[in-house]
Amino acid sequence: MKKQLLNIMERKELVELYSDTEDLRKFDVVKILNVSDAFIVAANIASNGMYDGYRLLYLDKIHQMNINTKYIKKIKKLYVSKKQKHMEFIDGNDDLLLSFLDFAHKHHFMVSVDLFNVHGEVQGFIKNLEDDIFVVSMVNEVGELDGEAFIKSDAIHAMSCDDQHVSDLMRIFSEA
């Protein structure tokens, strides 16, 4: 998969990525921003063609990808016509996970962390990194700070930042 993802990234194509083993029909439409031996970083696009944040996924969790589908063409047309844009992802580390964490921290994006294939188990702001553990200032469902989570890097299934779910939570947080 890595070779194909690198080719798709170089051609700047959109791709349907399938990584949910619980629902084999579920996928995300993304633009691949970077690929390492362990992870990919992608710009997510919602089904209505709108910006939907960024996603970090374990390369091994991707079980299928589709390119050049009619659905992708529709999403791309919507994305362009709605003048949507993702900011450039700068990879400043040898480890793509650390680059993603730095990116989210630098831009003060709220993150949603999927642990052991449980979606959105922890959400909040990246506080700091300590060896193979990173610290998240957690935000609860009503937009209030709610303690800190110390998460081992190898427990991460995936992570997103600035997507529709957490951007709504961010609005509630900033109004509190």
Protein backbone atom coordinates (compact mmCIF):
# COMPACT_ATOMS: atom_id res chain seq x y z
CA MET A 1 0.00 0.00 0.00
CA LYS A 2 2.82 2.42 0.77
CA LYS A 3 4.01 2.45 -2.84
CA GLN A 4 0.51 3.12 -4.18
CA LEU A 5 -0.13 5.84 -1.58
CA LEU A 6 3.14 7.56 -2.48
CA ASN A 7 2.16 7.49 -6.17
CA ILE A 8 -1.27 8.94 -5.36
CA MET A 9 0.36 11.62 -3.20
CA GLU A 10 2.78 12.60 -5.99
CA ARG A 11 -0.10 12.89 -8.47
CA LYS A 12 -2.12 14.92 -5.90
CA GLU A 13 -5.16 12.72 -6.49
CA LEU A 14 -8.06 12.25 -4.14
CA VAL A 15 -8.56 8.74 -2.85
CA GLU A 16 -11.22 6.77 -0.99
CA LEU A 17 -9.51 5.20 2.05
CA TYR A 18 -11.10 2.27 3.87
CA SER A 19 -9.79 1.58 7.38
CA ASP A 20 -12.84 0.58 9.44
CA THR A 21 -12.98 -3.20 9.84
CA GLU A 22 -16.34 -2.90 11.64
CA ASP A 23 -18.01 -1.27 8.60
CA LEU A 24 -16.37 -2.30 5.33
CA ARG A 25 -18.48 0.17 3.31
CA LYS A 26 -17.28 3.20 5.31
CA PHE A 27 -14.49 5.30 3.81
CA ASP A 28 -12.99 8.79 3.83
CA VAL A 29 -12.20 10.89 0.77
CA VAL A 30 -8.76 12.37 1.32
CA LYS A 31 -5.76 13.98 -0.27
CA ILE A 32 -2.58 12.24 0.91
CA LEU A 33 -0.15 14.76 2.40
CA ASN A 34 2.62 12.47 3.64
CA VAL A 35 3.44 8.78 3.96
CA SER A 36 5.96 7.04 6.22
CA ASP A 37 6.63 3.38 6.95
CA ALA A 38 4.05 3.47 9.76
CA PHE A 39 1.60 6.33 9.10
CA ILE A 40 -0.13 8.49 6.55
CA VAL A 41 -1.30 12.06 7.01
CA ALA A 42 -4.26 13.11 4.90
CA ALA A 43 -6.45 16.14 4.29
CA ASN A 44 -10.07 15.04 4.79
CA ILE A 45 -12.91 16.25 2.60
CA ALA A 46 -16.50 15.87 3.79
CA SER A 47 -19.24 14.32 1.67
CA ASN A 48 -20.53 17.81 0.80
CA GLY A 49 -17.12 18.87 -0.54
CA MET A 50 -16.22 20.97 2.49
CA TYR A 51 -12.94 21.08 4.40
CA ASP A 52 -12.94 18.40 7.11
CA GLY A 53 -9.61 18.74 8.88
CA TYR A 54 -6.68 16.34 8.88
CA ARG A 55 -6.27 12.65 9.66
CA LEU A 56 -3.38 10.49 10.82
CA LEU A 57 -3.79 6.75 10.17
CA TYR A 58 -1.65 3.69 10.68
CA LEU A 59 -0.68 2.47 7.25
CA ASP A 60 -1.46 -1.11 8.33
CA LYS A 61 -5.08 -0.18 9.15
CA ILE A 62 -5.87 0.71 5.52
CA HIS A 63 -7.42 -2.34 3.88
CA GLN A 64 -8.67 -0.80 0.62
CA MET A 65 -8.33 2.34 -1.44
CA ASN A 66 -10.15 3.46 -4.57
CA ILE A 67 -9.17 6.14 -7.07
CA ASN A 68 -10.87 7.76 -10.07
CA THR A 69 -14.41 6.93 -8.94
CA LYS A 70 -17.44 8.99 -9.89
CA TYR A 71 -17.92 9.77 -6.21
CA ILE A 72 -14.38 11.19 -5.93
CA LYS A 73 -14.96 13.30 -9.05
CA LYS A 74 -18.15 14.70 -7.48
CA ILE A 75 -16.37 15.51 -4.19
CA LYS A 76 -13.47 17.16 -6.02
CA LYS A 77 -15.87 19.30 -8.08
CA LEU A 78 -17.68 20.40 -4.91
CA TYR A 79 -14.40 21.10 -3.08
CA VAL A 80 -13.14 23.30 -5.93
CA SER A 81 -16.45 25.07 -6.57
CA LYS A 82 -16.82 25.87 -2.84
CA LYS A 83 -13.25 27.26 -2.85
CA GLN A 84 -12.15 24.98 -0.03
CA LYS A 85 -8.51 24.74 0.98
CA HIS A 86 -6.31 22.88 3.45
CA MET A 87 -3.17 24.53 4.78
CA GLU A 88 0.16 22.97 3.95
CA PHE A 89 1.28 20.17 6.25
CA ILE A 90 4.94 20.69 7.15
CA ASP A 91 6.74 17.52 8.20
CA GLY A 92 9.36 18.76 10.65
CA ASN A 93 10.27 15.43 12.32
CA ASP A 94 11.59 12.04 11.33
CA ASP A 95 8.45 10.55 12.92
CA LEU A 96 5.16 11.37 11.14
CA LEU A 97 3.21 10.94 14.39
CA LEU A 98 5.32 13.64 16.04
CA SER A 99 4.90 15.87 12.99
CA PHE A 100 1.13 15.49 13.21
CA LEU A 101 1.14 16.26 16.94
CA ASP A 102 3.37 19.32 16.34
CA PHE A 103 1.08 20.49 13.52
CA ALA A 104 -2.03 20.23 15.72
CA HIS A 105 -0.26 21.91 18.64
CA LYS A 106 1.20 24.75 16.54
CA HIS A 107 -2.18 25.62 15.00
CA HIS A 108 -4.05 25.09 18.30
CA PHE A 109 -6.30 22.51 16.64
CA MET A 110 -8.41 20.30 18.82
CA VAL A 111 -7.64 16.62 18.28
CA SER A 112 -9.74 13.49 18.48
CA VAL A 113 -7.75 10.35 19.26
CA ASP A 114 -8.94 6.86 18.33
CA LEU A 115 -7.52 4.33 20.76
CA PHE A 116 -7.55 0.64 19.90
CA ASN A 117 -10.06 1.24 17.11
CA VAL A 118 -12.52 3.20 19.32
CA HIS A 119 -13.37 6.45 17.51
CA GLY A 120 -12.93 9.72 19.38
CA GLU A 121 -12.02 8.14 22.69
CA VAL A 122 -10.02 11.21 23.79
CA GLN A 123 -10.51 14.75 22.54
CA GLY A 124 -8.77 17.96 23.47
CA PHE A 125 -5.55 19.88 22.89
CA ILE A 126 -2.01 18.55 22.62
CA LYS A 127 -0.20 19.80 25.71
CA ASN A 128 3.23 18.19 25.41
CA LEU A 129 5.24 15.09 24.57
CA GLU A 130 7.11 12.93 27.06
CA ASP A 131 9.16 10.17 25.40
CA ASP A 132 6.61 7.76 23.88
CA ILE A 133 3.70 9.39 25.74
CA PHE A 134 1.83 12.52 24.76
CA VAL A 135 -0.38 14.59 27.00
CA VAL A 136 -3.80 15.88 25.96
CA SER A 137 -5.71 18.57 27.86
CA MET A 138 -9.10 16.91 27.53
CA VAL A 139 -12.29 18.74 26.58
CA ASN A 140 -15.62 17.12 27.46
CA GLU A 141 -18.77 17.03 25.31
CA VAL A 142 -20.03 20.35 26.70
CA GLY A 143 -16.81 22.17 25.76
CA GLU A 144 -15.13 22.38 29.16
CA LEU A 145 -11.58 21.42 30.10
CA ASP A 146 -11.76 18.11 31.90
CA GLY A 147 -8.34 16.93 33.08
CA GLU A 148 -5.37 15.48 31.23
CA ALA A 149 -4.83 12.21 29.41
CA PHE A 150 -1.40 10.56 29.15
CA ILE A 151 -1.50 8.40 26.03
CA LYS A 152 1.05 5.87 24.82
CA SER A 153 1.88 6.39 21.17
CA ASP A 154 1.40 2.71 20.32
CA ALA A 155 -2.22 2.80 21.57
CA ILE A 156 -3.23 5.17 18.77
CA HIS A 157 -5.31 3.68 15.97
CA ALA A 158 -5.85 7.04 14.28
CA MET A 159 -6.10 10.72 15.09
CA SER A 160 -7.87 13.66 13.51
CA CYS A 161 -7.68 17.37 14.07
CA ASP A 162 -9.87 20.30 13.10
CA ASP A 163 -12.56 18.03 11.63
CA GLN A 164 -16.31 18.73 11.75
CA HIS A 165 -16.88 17.04 15.11
CA VAL A 166 -14.08 18.75 17.01
CA SER A 167 -14.54 22.10 15.26
CA ASP A 168 -18.09 22.19 16.64
CA LEU A 169 -16.70 21.30 20.07
CA MET A 170 -14.06 24.02 19.60
CA ARG A 171 -16.82 26.60 19.04
CA ILE A 172 -18.49 25.56 22.29
CA PHE A 173 -15.10 25.61 24.08
CA SER A 174 -14.21 29.11 22.85
CA GLU A 175 -17.61 30.47 23.93
CA ALA A 176 -17.25 29.05 27.45
